[in-house]
Protein backbone atom coordinates (compact mmCIF):
# COMPACT_ATOMS: atom_id res chain seq x y z
CA MET A 1 -16.51 -5.77 16.24
CA GLY A 2 -15.11 -8.21 13.73
CA LYS A 3 -16.65 -11.21 12.08
CA ARG A 4 -15.91 -14.92 12.17
CA ILE A 5 -12.96 -15.71 9.97
CA ARG A 6 -12.86 -18.54 7.46
CA VAL A 7 -11.24 -21.00 9.89
CA GLN A 8 -14.08 -20.53 12.39
CA ARG A 9 -16.77 -20.87 9.73
CA ARG A 10 -15.20 -24.01 8.27
CA GLY A 11 -15.06 -25.66 11.69
CA ARG A 12 -18.83 -25.39 12.08
CA GLY A 13 -19.28 -27.57 8.99
CA SER A 14 -21.86 -25.49 7.14
CA SER A 15 -23.00 -26.38 3.62
CA THR A 16 -20.67 -23.70 2.21
CA PHE A 17 -17.67 -25.85 3.04
CA ARG A 18 -19.16 -29.31 2.44
CA ALA A 19 -18.77 -31.23 -0.78
CA SER A 20 -21.96 -32.52 -2.42
CA THR A 21 -21.09 -36.13 -1.70
CA HIS A 22 -24.70 -37.27 -2.11
CA LYS A 23 -24.14 -36.92 -5.86
CA ARG A 24 -21.20 -39.32 -5.85
CA VAL A 25 -21.72 -42.58 -7.73
CA ALA A 26 -19.74 -45.13 -5.74
CA PRO A 27 -16.27 -45.72 -4.24
CA ALA A 28 -13.70 -46.37 -6.97
CA LYS A 29 -11.95 -49.49 -5.69
CA TYR A 30 -11.36 -53.11 -6.55
CA PRO A 31 -13.46 -55.78 -4.84
CA THR A 32 -11.98 -57.02 -1.58
CA VAL A 33 -11.92 -60.66 -2.68
CA ILE A 34 -11.26 -61.40 -6.34
CA GLY A 35 -12.16 -65.07 -6.30
CA PRO A 36 -11.94 -68.32 -4.38
CA GLU A 37 -8.27 -68.74 -5.27
CA GLU A 38 -5.48 -66.20 -5.56
CA ASP A 39 -4.48 -67.46 -9.00
CA SER A 40 -8.02 -67.52 -10.34
CA LEU A 41 -9.05 -65.71 -13.50
CA LEU A 42 -12.32 -63.83 -13.47
CA LYS A 43 -13.97 -62.29 -16.49
CA GLY A 44 -16.09 -59.19 -16.43
CA THR A 45 -17.70 -56.68 -18.77
CA VAL A 46 -17.70 -52.90 -18.80
CA LYS A 47 -21.39 -52.09 -18.47
CA GLU A 48 -21.16 -48.29 -18.65
CA LEU A 49 -18.89 -45.28 -18.29
CA VAL A 50 -20.32 -42.74 -15.84
CA HIS A 51 -19.32 -39.28 -14.67
CA GLU A 52 -18.89 -38.53 -10.99
CA PRO A 53 -18.91 -34.93 -9.70
CA GLY A 54 -15.51 -33.84 -8.47
CA ARG A 55 -13.66 -36.51 -10.47
CA GLY A 56 -11.66 -35.70 -13.59
CA SER A 57 -11.92 -39.10 -15.29
CA PRO A 58 -14.97 -41.29 -15.95
CA LEU A 59 -15.74 -44.33 -13.85
CA ALA A 60 -16.08 -47.73 -15.48
CA LYS A 61 -18.79 -49.97 -14.05
CA ILE A 62 -17.43 -53.50 -14.30
CA GLU A 63 -19.68 -56.48 -13.67
CA LEU A 64 -18.02 -59.84 -13.08
CA GLN A 65 -19.39 -63.22 -14.09
CA SER A 66 -19.89 -64.06 -10.43
CA GLY A 67 -22.49 -61.29 -10.26
CA GLU A 68 -20.30 -58.94 -8.22
CA GLY A 69 -19.75 -55.46 -9.61
CA PHE A 70 -17.38 -52.62 -8.83
CA TYR A 71 -16.34 -49.20 -10.13
CA ALA A 72 -12.83 -48.23 -11.18
CA PRO A 73 -11.35 -45.19 -12.95
CA ALA A 74 -11.40 -45.95 -16.66
CA SER A 75 -8.08 -46.19 -18.45
CA GLU A 76 -7.62 -44.80 -21.95
CA GLY A 77 -9.08 -47.10 -24.59
CA VAL A 78 -11.65 -48.81 -22.35
CA TYR A 79 -15.11 -48.93 -23.96
CA VAL A 80 -18.59 -50.14 -23.07
CA GLY A 81 -18.91 -53.85 -23.71
CA GLN A 82 -15.20 -54.56 -23.37
CA GLU A 83 -14.26 -57.80 -21.68
CA ILE A 84 -12.13 -57.26 -18.56
CA HIS A 85 -9.96 -59.98 -17.04
CA VAL A 86 -9.11 -59.90 -13.33
CA GLY A 87 -6.49 -62.11 -11.71
CA SER A 88 -2.88 -63.21 -11.92
CA LYS A 89 -3.52 -65.22 -15.11
CA ALA A 90 -5.10 -62.28 -16.95
CA PRO A 91 -3.38 -61.15 -20.16
CA VAL A 92 -1.39 -57.91 -20.03
CA GLU A 93 -3.85 -55.75 -21.96
CA VAL A 94 -5.34 -52.30 -21.39
CA GLY A 95 -8.08 -52.39 -18.75
CA ASN A 96 -7.14 -55.74 -17.22
CA ILE A 97 -6.32 -55.98 -13.50
CA LEU A 98 -3.30 -58.01 -12.40
CA PRO A 99 -0.99 -58.32 -9.38
CA LEU A 100 2.19 -56.29 -9.79
CA GLY A 101 4.30 -59.45 -9.61
CA GLN A 102 2.73 -60.68 -12.87
CA ILE A 103 3.22 -57.45 -14.83
CA PRO A 104 6.40 -57.25 -16.98
CA SER A 105 8.87 -54.41 -16.58
CA GLY A 106 8.26 -51.25 -18.59
CA ILE A 107 4.44 -51.55 -18.56
CA MET A 108 2.41 -48.46 -17.62
CA VAL A 109 -0.13 -49.13 -14.88
CA CYS A 110 -2.66 -47.11 -12.90
CA ASN A 111 -4.98 -47.42 -9.89
CA ILE A 112 -2.31 -49.29 -7.90
CA GLU A 113 -2.86 -50.72 -4.46
CA LEU A 114 -0.53 -49.38 -1.81
CA ARG A 115 -1.27 -52.41 0.34
CA ALA A 116 -2.73 -55.62 -0.98
CA GLY A 117 -6.52 -55.50 -0.75
CA ASP A 118 -7.00 -51.75 -0.17
CA GLY A 119 -8.77 -51.33 -3.52
CA GLY A 120 -6.34 -48.96 -5.25
CA ARG A 121 -4.70 -45.79 -3.98
CA ILE A 122 -1.95 -44.65 -6.39
CA ALA A 123 -2.23 -43.03 -9.87
CA LYS A 124 -6.01 -42.48 -9.95
CA ALA A 125 -6.12 -38.86 -11.19
CA SER A 126 -6.87 -38.11 -14.84
CA GLY A 127 -3.92 -38.67 -17.16
CA THR A 128 -1.66 -40.22 -14.50
CA TYR A 129 0.19 -43.51 -14.61
CA ALA A 130 3.05 -45.35 -12.99
CA THR A 131 5.67 -47.59 -14.56
CA VAL A 132 6.78 -51.03 -13.46
CA VAL A 133 10.57 -50.74 -13.32
CA SER A 134 11.78 -54.11 -12.12
CA HIS A 135 11.10 -57.10 -9.86
CA SER A 136 13.15 -58.00 -6.82
CA PRO A 137 12.94 -60.47 -3.93
CA LYS A 138 11.54 -57.65 -1.76
CA GLY A 139 8.76 -56.81 -4.24
CA THR A 140 8.09 -54.82 -7.39
CA VAL A 141 9.83 -51.49 -8.03
CA VAL A 142 7.31 -48.95 -9.34
CA LYS A 143 8.09 -45.45 -10.58
CA LEU A 144 5.30 -43.15 -9.36
CA PRO A 145 3.85 -40.17 -11.28
CA SER A 146 5.99 -37.88 -9.08
CA GLY A 147 9.14 -39.58 -10.36
CA ARG A 148 9.93 -41.31 -7.06
CA SER A 149 10.40 -45.07 -7.04
CA VAL A 150 8.90 -47.31 -4.37
CA VAL A 151 8.90 -51.03 -3.67
CA LEU A 152 5.43 -52.57 -3.40
CA LYS A 153 4.38 -56.11 -2.67
CA ASP A 154 3.89 -58.43 -5.64
CA SER A 155 0.33 -59.12 -4.50
CA CYS A 156 -0.75 -55.47 -4.90
CA ARG A 157 -3.14 -55.16 -7.83
CA ALA A 158 -2.98 -52.61 -10.65
CA MET A 159 -4.82 -51.82 -13.87
CA ILE A 160 -2.97 -51.83 -17.16
CA GLY A 161 -2.92 -48.49 -18.98
CA VAL A 162 -3.17 -44.75 -18.33
CA ILE A 163 -6.08 -43.08 -16.55
CA SER A 164 -8.32 -41.36 -19.11
CA GLY A 165 -8.81 -37.60 -19.19
CA ALA A 166 -5.22 -36.62 -19.95
CA GLY A 167 -4.84 -32.94 -20.82
CA ARG A 168 -7.92 -31.92 -18.89
CA VAL A 169 -6.08 -29.24 -16.91
CA ASP A 170 -4.61 -27.74 -20.11
CA LYS A 171 -7.95 -26.26 -21.06
CA PRO A 172 -8.59 -22.90 -19.30
CA PHE A 173 -11.83 -22.25 -17.44
CA LEU A 174 -12.32 -18.85 -19.18
CA LYS A 175 -15.20 -17.94 -16.86
CA ALA A 176 -15.00 -17.50 -13.10
CA GLY A 177 -18.39 -19.17 -12.58
CA LYS A 178 -17.19 -22.47 -14.05
CA LYS A 179 -14.23 -22.45 -11.65
CA VAL A 180 -16.61 -21.84 -8.73
CA HIS A 181 -18.82 -24.81 -9.65
CA TRP A 182 -15.78 -27.04 -10.13
CA MET A 183 -14.42 -26.10 -6.70
CA ARG A 184 -17.84 -26.57 -5.09
CA ALA A 185 -18.03 -30.16 -6.36
CA LYS A 186 -14.76 -30.84 -4.56
CA GLY A 187 -15.90 -29.08 -1.38
CA ARG A 188 -13.28 -26.33 -1.62
CA LYS A 189 -13.86 -22.70 -0.70
CA TYR A 190 -13.22 -20.42 -3.67
CA PRO A 191 -12.11 -17.69 -4.13
CA ILE A 192 -9.83 -17.25 -1.13
CA THR A 193 -8.72 -13.80 -0.02
CA LYS A 194 -5.39 -13.27 1.75
CA GLY A 195 -5.59 -12.22 5.37
CA VAL A 196 -3.12 -9.36 4.84
CA SER A 197 -5.51 -7.88 2.28
CA MET A 198 -8.26 -7.50 4.89
CA ILE A 199 -8.74 -4.87 7.55
CA ALA A 200 -7.65 -5.49 11.13
CA ALA A 201 -11.26 -5.95 12.30
CA VAL A 202 -11.91 -9.08 10.24
CA HIS A 203 -8.60 -10.98 10.32
CA PRO A 204 -5.59 -11.27 12.64
CA HIS A 205 -3.26 -10.56 9.69
CA GLY A 206 -5.20 -7.48 8.57
CA GLY A 207 -4.25 -3.83 8.86
CA GLY A 208 -1.18 -1.92 7.86
CA SER A 209 -0.36 -0.12 4.66
CA HIS A 210 -1.21 -1.49 1.25
CA GLY A 211 0.99 -4.39 0.24
CA SER A 212 2.73 -4.66 3.60
CA SER A 213 2.89 -7.75 5.78
CA SER A 214 0.86 -8.33 8.90
CA LEU A 215 1.26 -5.95 11.84
CA LYS A 216 1.03 -8.88 14.24
CA PRO A 217 3.26 -11.97 14.38
CA THR A 218 2.09 -14.61 11.92
CA SER A 219 3.32 -17.52 14.05
CA VAL A 220 0.87 -18.82 16.65
CA SER A 221 0.77 -21.50 19.29
CA ARG A 222 -0.62 -24.93 18.53
CA ARG A 223 -3.08 -24.39 21.38
CA ALA A 224 -4.39 -21.08 20.00
CA PRO A 225 -8.20 -20.68 19.64
CA PRO A 226 -9.78 -21.01 16.16
CA GLY A 227 -10.10 -17.25 15.68
CA GLN A 228 -6.41 -16.76 16.27
CA LYS A 229 -4.99 -19.98 14.81
CA VAL A 230 -3.94 -18.71 11.35
CA GLY A 231 -0.58 -18.36 9.68
CA LEU A 232 2.44 -20.38 10.78
CA ILE A 233 1.12 -22.83 13.36
CA ALA A 234 3.75 -23.88 15.91
CA PRO A 235 6.72 -23.39 13.54
CA LYS A 236 10.07 -24.84 14.51
CA ARG A 237 11.77 -21.59 13.61
CA THR A 238 11.02 -18.20 12.03
CA GLY A 239 13.02 -15.43 10.41
CA ARG A 240 16.10 -15.53 8.27
CA LYS A 241 18.75 -18.11 8.90
CA LYS A 242 21.90 -16.84 10.54
CA ARG A 243 25.18 -17.63 8.89
CA LYS A 244 27.43 -19.92 10.82
CA ARG A 245 30.76 -18.42 11.70
CA LYS A 246 33.77 -20.38 10.55
CA SER A 247 36.04 -21.18 13.44
């Protein structure tokens, strides 16, 4: 008799597969409403830089003069006590938050809103940034960290600068235990063993000679049960492509 495979265990939602979200500090997003007017200028101060488990860059706690506070990923050069300006009339300086329509071309920005008011979705990982390419009647053209260019609304907000923590992934873990703790903070199962490396009793892909592929088909139906639903799920096609004959 076999055992429950990883897909079945994950579906039950045990603590092994859950991230320790109770240690998280706060959502990293801009306040929903900046001020009474769209063109207002609010001033704030960086109160502290805090670490959040599972996040590669520190969070900056920014407290506005209105008494409202929020957390945002800190850009390189931001320090405790720095004065932060929020609004369309804010100067284009590192750490300030402006609408994309007010940011000149060629400026590096981070923590960009995909839709106006969502709090920031793009370029939030450590060391990432996007570049304002140009402005058009349809919106602002932004070059993403992936190299692709998109057009976003001028009212979408962004922070000037590059997210801190660049080069973090260049340093090796050296010890397997450190990698385990890092994965656990993100709620990821580690290490992961291939199904073809197991015996047939514990995984549908198991069995066969050493180094060979699965003895059973690796493509399954979308309506397959959790113990069987592994591999290529409802693929459009399998196997090698056939050459088309020239007529």
